[in-house]
Amino acid sequence: MRRLVLALAATVSALAAATPATAQYSRPGYGRPGYDRPGYGQNNWGEVQSLQARLDAVARQIDRLDRNNALRGRTADRLRYDVDNISRSLHRAARNGLNGNEANQIRYQIENLERQVQFQAGRRRY
C-alpha cells in the first residue's frame, strides 16, 4: 500500500510540474492570431532607434556647421527646431508602436532635413 501511495504521489507531482512547461510552447500560427509574427510586441524599437540615430547625426552636423560659421544667421536655430519637431513626432508615434506609414513619413522628414542642411551649408561657401 505504501508503494502505491508513493508511486501515485510521484506521478501526480510529475504531472503538476510538467503542465506549466507544456503550456509555454505551442505550434506557430496556433492560438491567438498575430502573436507568432517576428517582432511582435517590440513596437519596431529597432526602427525607432535607427531613425533617432539619424536625427542625432543631423543635429551633430548642424552643431558642427554652426561652430564653423558655415550656416547663415538664424539658419542653425531653425534647423535645430526642425530636428526637435521630428524627434517629438517620432517619440509620439513610437509610444503605441511605429507602423509603416509613420516610419515612412518620419523617414521622409529626416531625408528632407538632411537635404536642407546640405543646401544651407553649400550656400555659405559661395
N, C-alpha and C. Protein backbone atom coordinates (compact mmCIF):
# COMPACT_ATOMS: atom_id res chain seq x y z
N MET A 1 0.81 -1.18 0.00
CA MET A 1 0.00 0.00 0.00
C MET A 1 0.86 1.26 0.00
N ARG A 2 1.93 1.22 0.77
CA ARG A 2 2.82 2.36 0.86
C ARG A 2 3.46 2.63 -0.50
N ARG A 3 3.83 1.57 -1.23
CA ARG A 3 4.43 1.72 -2.56
C ARG A 3 3.44 2.36 -3.52
N LEU A 4 2.21 1.96 -3.47
CA LEU A 4 1.18 2.51 -4.34
C LEU A 4 0.96 4.00 -4.07
N VAL A 5 0.94 4.38 -2.82
CA VAL A 5 0.74 5.79 -2.46
C VAL A 5 1.94 6.62 -2.91
N LEU A 6 3.16 6.11 -2.73
CA LEU A 6 4.35 6.83 -3.16
C LEU A 6 4.41 6.95 -4.68
N ALA A 7 4.05 5.88 -5.38
CA ALA A 7 4.06 5.92 -6.84
C ALA A 7 3.00 6.91 -7.35
N LEU A 8 1.83 6.88 -6.74
CA LEU A 8 0.77 7.81 -7.13
C LEU A 8 1.16 9.26 -6.84
N ALA A 9 1.80 9.51 -5.71
CA ALA A 9 2.24 10.86 -5.36
C ALA A 9 3.33 11.34 -6.32
N ALA A 10 4.24 10.47 -6.71
CA ALA A 10 5.30 10.84 -7.65
C ALA A 10 4.71 11.16 -9.02
N THR A 11 3.72 10.39 -9.46
CA THR A 11 3.09 10.63 -10.75
C THR A 11 2.35 11.96 -10.76
N VAL A 12 1.59 12.22 -9.71
CA VAL A 12 0.83 13.47 -9.63
C VAL A 12 1.78 14.67 -9.60
N SER A 13 2.86 14.59 -8.84
CA SER A 13 3.78 15.72 -8.76
C SER A 13 4.52 15.92 -10.09
N ALA A 14 4.84 14.84 -10.80
CA ALA A 14 5.49 14.96 -12.11
C ALA A 14 4.54 15.62 -13.11
N LEU A 15 3.26 15.25 -13.09
CA LEU A 15 2.29 15.87 -14.00
C LEU A 15 2.06 17.34 -13.64
N ALA A 16 2.03 17.64 -12.36
CA ALA A 16 1.82 19.02 -11.94
C ALA A 16 3.00 19.90 -12.35
N ALA A 17 4.21 19.36 -12.31
CA ALA A 17 5.39 20.14 -12.69
C ALA A 17 5.49 20.29 -14.20
N ALA A 18 5.01 19.32 -14.96
CA ALA A 18 5.14 19.35 -16.42
C ALA A 18 4.06 20.20 -17.08
N THR A 19 2.94 20.39 -16.45
CA THR A 19 1.84 21.12 -17.07
C THR A 19 2.20 22.56 -17.41
N PRO A 20 2.80 23.37 -16.54
CA PRO A 20 3.16 24.73 -16.94
C PRO A 20 4.19 24.77 -18.06
N ALA A 21 5.10 23.80 -18.08
CA ALA A 21 6.12 23.78 -19.13
C ALA A 21 5.50 23.50 -20.49
N THR A 22 4.52 22.62 -20.56
CA THR A 22 3.90 22.33 -21.84
C THR A 22 2.99 23.46 -22.29
N ALA A 23 2.48 24.26 -21.37
CA ALA A 23 1.61 25.37 -21.74
C ALA A 23 2.39 26.51 -22.38
N GLN A 24 3.70 26.56 -22.18
CA GLN A 24 4.50 27.64 -22.74
C GLN A 24 4.74 27.48 -24.23
N TYR A 25 4.73 26.28 -24.73
CA TYR A 25 5.09 26.03 -26.12
C TYR A 25 3.84 25.68 -26.92
N SER A 26 3.76 26.26 -28.11
CA SER A 26 2.65 25.93 -28.99
C SER A 26 3.14 25.98 -30.43
N ARG A 27 2.34 25.45 -31.29
CA ARG A 27 2.71 25.46 -32.71
C ARG A 27 2.63 26.88 -33.25
N PRO A 28 3.50 27.24 -34.20
CA PRO A 28 3.39 28.56 -34.82
C PRO A 28 2.06 28.70 -35.54
N GLY A 29 1.43 29.82 -35.38
CA GLY A 29 0.15 30.06 -36.02
C GLY A 29 -1.03 29.50 -35.27
N TYR A 30 -0.79 28.85 -34.15
CA TYR A 30 -1.87 28.26 -33.38
C TYR A 30 -2.21 29.18 -32.23
N GLY A 31 -3.45 29.31 -31.92
CA GLY A 31 -3.85 30.16 -30.80
C GLY A 31 -4.23 31.54 -31.30
N ARG A 32 -3.82 32.54 -30.57
CA ARG A 32 -4.20 33.91 -30.93
C ARG A 32 -3.47 34.34 -32.19
N PRO A 33 -4.17 34.89 -33.17
CA PRO A 33 -3.52 35.25 -34.43
C PRO A 33 -2.61 36.45 -34.26
N GLY A 34 -1.47 36.41 -34.95
CA GLY A 34 -0.56 37.53 -34.97
C GLY A 34 0.51 37.50 -33.91
N TYR A 35 0.39 36.66 -32.90
CA TYR A 35 1.36 36.67 -31.82
C TYR A 35 2.63 35.92 -32.19
N ASP A 36 2.64 35.20 -33.29
CA ASP A 36 3.85 34.49 -33.69
C ASP A 36 4.64 35.25 -34.75
N ARG A 37 4.22 36.48 -35.05
CA ARG A 37 4.95 37.29 -36.03
C ARG A 37 6.30 37.70 -35.45
N PRO A 38 7.32 37.76 -36.31
CA PRO A 38 8.61 38.27 -35.82
C PRO A 38 8.47 39.74 -35.42
N GLY A 39 9.00 40.08 -34.28
CA GLY A 39 8.97 41.46 -33.83
C GLY A 39 7.68 41.86 -33.16
N TYR A 40 6.76 40.91 -32.96
CA TYR A 40 5.50 41.28 -32.33
C TYR A 40 5.77 41.73 -30.90
N GLY A 41 5.16 42.82 -30.50
CA GLY A 41 5.30 43.30 -29.14
C GLY A 41 6.53 44.16 -28.91
N GLN A 42 7.37 44.32 -29.93
CA GLN A 42 8.58 45.12 -29.75
C GLN A 42 8.38 46.54 -30.25
N ASN A 43 7.23 46.82 -30.87
CA ASN A 43 6.89 48.16 -31.33
C ASN A 43 7.91 48.73 -32.29
N ASN A 44 8.56 47.86 -33.06
CA ASN A 44 9.58 48.30 -34.02
C ASN A 44 10.63 49.18 -33.37
N TRP A 45 11.09 48.79 -32.21
CA TRP A 45 12.01 49.60 -31.45
C TRP A 45 13.32 49.81 -32.20
N GLY A 46 13.75 48.81 -32.98
CA GLY A 46 14.98 48.95 -33.76
C GLY A 46 14.84 50.04 -34.80
N GLU A 47 13.67 50.13 -35.42
CA GLU A 47 13.41 51.19 -36.40
C GLU A 47 13.41 52.56 -35.73
N VAL A 48 12.84 52.65 -34.55
CA VAL A 48 12.81 53.91 -33.82
C VAL A 48 14.23 54.34 -33.47
N GLN A 49 15.04 53.40 -33.00
CA GLN A 49 16.42 53.72 -32.65
C GLN A 49 17.22 54.15 -33.87
N SER A 50 16.97 53.50 -35.00
CA SER A 50 17.67 53.86 -36.24
C SER A 50 17.32 55.28 -36.68
N LEU A 51 16.04 55.61 -36.64
CA LEU A 51 15.61 56.95 -37.02
C LEU A 51 16.15 57.99 -36.04
N GLN A 52 16.16 57.67 -34.75
CA GLN A 52 16.69 58.61 -33.77
C GLN A 52 18.18 58.80 -33.96
N ALA A 53 18.90 57.75 -34.33
CA ALA A 53 20.33 57.88 -34.59
C ALA A 53 20.59 58.81 -35.78
N ARG A 54 19.76 58.71 -36.81
CA ARG A 54 19.89 59.62 -37.95
C ARG A 54 19.62 61.06 -37.54
N LEU A 55 18.62 61.27 -36.70
CA LEU A 55 18.33 62.62 -36.22
C LEU A 55 19.49 63.17 -35.38
N ASP A 56 20.07 62.32 -34.55
CA ASP A 56 21.21 62.75 -33.74
C ASP A 56 22.39 63.13 -34.63
N ALA A 57 22.61 62.37 -35.70
CA ALA A 57 23.70 62.68 -36.63
C ALA A 57 23.46 64.02 -37.31
N VAL A 58 22.22 64.29 -37.71
CA VAL A 58 21.89 65.57 -38.34
C VAL A 58 22.11 66.71 -37.34
N ALA A 59 21.71 66.51 -36.09
CA ALA A 59 21.90 67.55 -35.07
C ALA A 59 23.38 67.83 -34.84
N ARG A 60 24.20 66.77 -34.81
CA ARG A 60 25.64 66.97 -34.66
C ARG A 60 26.23 67.71 -35.86
N GLN A 61 25.73 67.39 -37.05
CA GLN A 61 26.20 68.08 -38.25
C GLN A 61 25.83 69.56 -38.21
N ILE A 62 24.62 69.86 -37.77
CA ILE A 62 24.19 71.26 -37.64
C ILE A 62 25.08 72.00 -36.64
N ASP A 63 25.36 71.36 -35.50
CA ASP A 63 26.22 72.00 -34.50
C ASP A 63 27.62 72.25 -35.05
N ARG A 64 28.16 71.27 -35.77
CA ARG A 64 29.49 71.43 -36.34
C ARG A 64 29.52 72.55 -37.37
N LEU A 65 28.52 72.59 -38.24
CA LEU A 65 28.46 73.64 -39.25
C LEU A 65 28.27 75.02 -38.61
N ASP A 66 27.51 75.08 -37.54
CA ASP A 66 27.30 76.35 -36.85
C ASP A 66 28.59 76.83 -36.18
N ARG A 67 29.33 75.91 -35.57
CA ARG A 67 30.61 76.28 -34.95
C ARG A 67 31.60 76.80 -35.99
N ASN A 68 31.57 76.22 -37.20
CA ASN A 68 32.49 76.63 -38.27
C ASN A 68 31.95 77.81 -39.08
N ASN A 69 30.86 78.39 -38.64
CA ASN A 69 30.22 79.52 -39.33
C ASN A 69 29.88 79.19 -40.78
N ALA A 70 29.46 77.95 -41.02
CA ALA A 70 29.08 77.54 -42.37
C ALA A 70 27.59 77.74 -42.62
N LEU A 71 26.85 78.14 -41.59
CA LEU A 71 25.42 78.41 -41.73
C LEU A 71 25.15 79.88 -41.50
N ARG A 72 24.24 80.43 -42.26
CA ARG A 72 23.90 81.85 -42.14
C ARG A 72 23.00 82.12 -40.95
N GLY A 73 23.20 83.26 -40.34
CA GLY A 73 22.33 83.82 -39.32
C GLY A 73 21.62 82.83 -38.41
N ARG A 74 20.30 82.84 -38.49
CA ARG A 74 19.48 82.01 -37.60
C ARG A 74 19.12 80.68 -38.24
N THR A 75 19.82 80.33 -39.30
CA THR A 75 19.52 79.07 -40.01
C THR A 75 19.74 77.87 -39.10
N ALA A 76 20.82 77.89 -38.32
CA ALA A 76 21.11 76.77 -37.42
C ALA A 76 19.99 76.60 -36.40
N ASP A 77 19.47 77.71 -35.88
CA ASP A 77 18.38 77.63 -34.90
C ASP A 77 17.12 77.03 -35.53
N ARG A 78 16.82 77.43 -36.76
CA ARG A 78 15.64 76.90 -37.45
C ARG A 78 15.80 75.40 -37.73
N LEU A 79 17.02 74.99 -38.13
CA LEU A 79 17.25 73.57 -38.39
C LEU A 79 17.19 72.76 -37.10
N ARG A 80 17.71 73.30 -36.01
CA ARG A 80 17.61 72.60 -34.71
C ARG A 80 16.14 72.46 -34.29
N TYR A 81 15.36 73.51 -34.55
CA TYR A 81 13.93 73.46 -34.25
C TYR A 81 13.25 72.35 -35.05
N ASP A 82 13.65 72.19 -36.32
CA ASP A 82 13.10 71.11 -37.15
C ASP A 82 13.50 69.74 -36.61
N VAL A 83 14.75 69.61 -36.16
CA VAL A 83 15.20 68.34 -35.56
C VAL A 83 14.36 68.01 -34.33
N ASP A 84 14.12 69.01 -33.49
CA ASP A 84 13.32 68.78 -32.28
C ASP A 84 11.89 68.38 -32.62
N ASN A 85 11.29 69.03 -33.63
CA ASN A 85 9.93 68.68 -34.03
C ASN A 85 9.84 67.25 -34.55
N ILE A 86 10.80 66.86 -35.37
CA ILE A 86 10.79 65.49 -35.91
C ILE A 86 11.02 64.49 -34.78
N SER A 87 11.91 64.81 -33.86
CA SER A 87 12.17 63.91 -32.73
C SER A 87 10.92 63.74 -31.86
N ARG A 88 10.20 64.85 -31.62
CA ARG A 88 8.96 64.75 -30.84
C ARG A 88 7.92 63.90 -31.55
N SER A 89 7.78 64.10 -32.86
CA SER A 89 6.79 63.30 -33.59
C SER A 89 7.19 61.83 -33.63
N LEU A 90 8.50 61.55 -33.69
CA LEU A 90 8.97 60.16 -33.67
C LEU A 90 8.62 59.51 -32.34
N HIS A 91 8.88 60.19 -31.25
CA HIS A 91 8.59 59.60 -29.93
C HIS A 91 7.09 59.49 -29.68
N ARG A 92 6.32 60.42 -30.20
CA ARG A 92 4.86 60.33 -30.06
C ARG A 92 4.33 59.13 -30.84
N ALA A 93 4.85 58.92 -32.04
CA ALA A 93 4.39 57.80 -32.86
C ALA A 93 4.88 56.47 -32.29
N ALA A 94 6.05 56.47 -31.67
CA ALA A 94 6.62 55.22 -31.16
C ALA A 94 5.95 54.76 -29.87
N ARG A 95 5.20 55.63 -29.23
CA ARG A 95 4.54 55.26 -27.98
C ARG A 95 3.63 54.05 -28.14
N ASN A 96 2.87 54.01 -29.22
CA ASN A 96 1.94 52.90 -29.44
C ASN A 96 2.42 51.95 -30.52
N GLY A 97 3.67 52.01 -30.85
CA GLY A 97 4.21 51.16 -31.89
C GLY A 97 4.25 51.92 -33.21
N LEU A 98 5.37 51.85 -33.87
CA LEU A 98 5.58 52.59 -35.10
C LEU A 98 5.10 51.74 -36.26
N ASN A 99 4.05 52.20 -36.96
CA ASN A 99 3.59 51.44 -38.12
C ASN A 99 4.34 51.91 -39.36
N GLY A 100 4.12 51.24 -40.47
CA GLY A 100 4.86 51.52 -41.69
C GLY A 100 4.66 52.93 -42.21
N ASN A 101 3.44 53.42 -42.17
CA ASN A 101 3.17 54.77 -42.67
C ASN A 101 3.88 55.83 -41.83
N GLU A 102 3.83 55.67 -40.52
CA GLU A 102 4.51 56.63 -39.64
C GLU A 102 6.02 56.59 -39.86
N ALA A 103 6.57 55.39 -40.00
CA ALA A 103 8.01 55.26 -40.22
C ALA A 103 8.40 55.92 -41.55
N ASN A 104 7.61 55.70 -42.60
CA ASN A 104 7.92 56.31 -43.89
C ASN A 104 7.81 57.82 -43.83
N GLN A 105 6.82 58.33 -43.15
CA GLN A 105 6.65 59.78 -43.03
C GLN A 105 7.82 60.42 -42.29
N ILE A 106 8.23 59.82 -41.20
CA ILE A 106 9.35 60.36 -40.43
C ILE A 106 10.65 60.22 -41.21
N ARG A 107 10.81 59.09 -41.91
CA ARG A 107 12.00 58.89 -42.74
C ARG A 107 12.08 59.98 -43.82
N TYR A 108 10.93 60.31 -44.43
CA TYR A 108 10.89 61.36 -45.44
C TYR A 108 11.26 62.72 -44.83
N GLN A 109 10.75 63.01 -43.64
CA GLN A 109 11.06 64.28 -42.98
C GLN A 109 12.56 64.38 -42.67
N ILE A 110 13.16 63.27 -42.26
CA ILE A 110 14.60 63.28 -41.96
C ILE A 110 15.40 63.49 -43.24
N GLU A 111 15.01 62.81 -44.32
CA GLU A 111 15.71 62.99 -45.59
C GLU A 111 15.59 64.43 -46.07
N ASN A 112 14.43 65.03 -45.93
CA ASN A 112 14.23 66.42 -46.31
C ASN A 112 15.11 67.35 -45.47
N LEU A 113 15.19 67.08 -44.17
CA LEU A 113 16.03 67.88 -43.29
C LEU A 113 17.50 67.74 -43.66
N GLU A 114 17.93 66.52 -43.98
CA GLU A 114 19.32 66.31 -44.40
C GLU A 114 19.63 67.11 -45.67
N ARG A 115 18.68 67.13 -46.61
CA ARG A 115 18.86 67.92 -47.83
C ARG A 115 18.94 69.41 -47.51
N GLN A 116 18.10 69.88 -46.60
CA GLN A 116 18.12 71.29 -46.22
C GLN A 116 19.45 71.68 -45.59
N VAL A 117 19.99 70.80 -44.74
CA VAL A 117 21.27 71.08 -44.09
C VAL A 117 22.37 71.17 -45.15
N GLN A 118 22.38 70.23 -46.09
CA GLN A 118 23.39 70.27 -47.16
C GLN A 118 23.25 71.52 -48.01
N PHE A 119 22.02 71.89 -48.32
CA PHE A 119 21.78 73.07 -49.14
C PHE A 119 22.24 74.33 -48.41
N GLN A 120 21.86 74.48 -47.14
CA GLN A 120 22.23 75.66 -46.38
C GLN A 120 23.75 75.75 -46.17
N ALA A 121 24.39 74.61 -45.98
CA ALA A 121 25.84 74.61 -45.82
C ALA A 121 26.53 74.99 -47.13
N GLY A 122 25.96 74.57 -48.25
CA GLY A 122 26.54 74.90 -49.55
C GLY A 122 26.35 76.35 -49.93
N ARG A 123 25.29 76.99 -49.46
CA ARG A 123 25.03 78.39 -49.78
C ARG A 123 26.10 79.31 -49.20
N ARG A 124 26.63 78.97 -48.06
CA ARG A 124 27.58 79.83 -47.37
C ARG A 124 28.94 79.83 -48.06
N ARG A 125 29.26 78.75 -48.74
CA ARG A 125 30.59 78.63 -49.35
C ARG A 125 30.77 79.53 -50.55
N TYR A 126 29.69 79.94 -51.20
CA TYR A 126 29.83 80.72 -52.43
C TYR A 126 29.66 82.18 -52.19
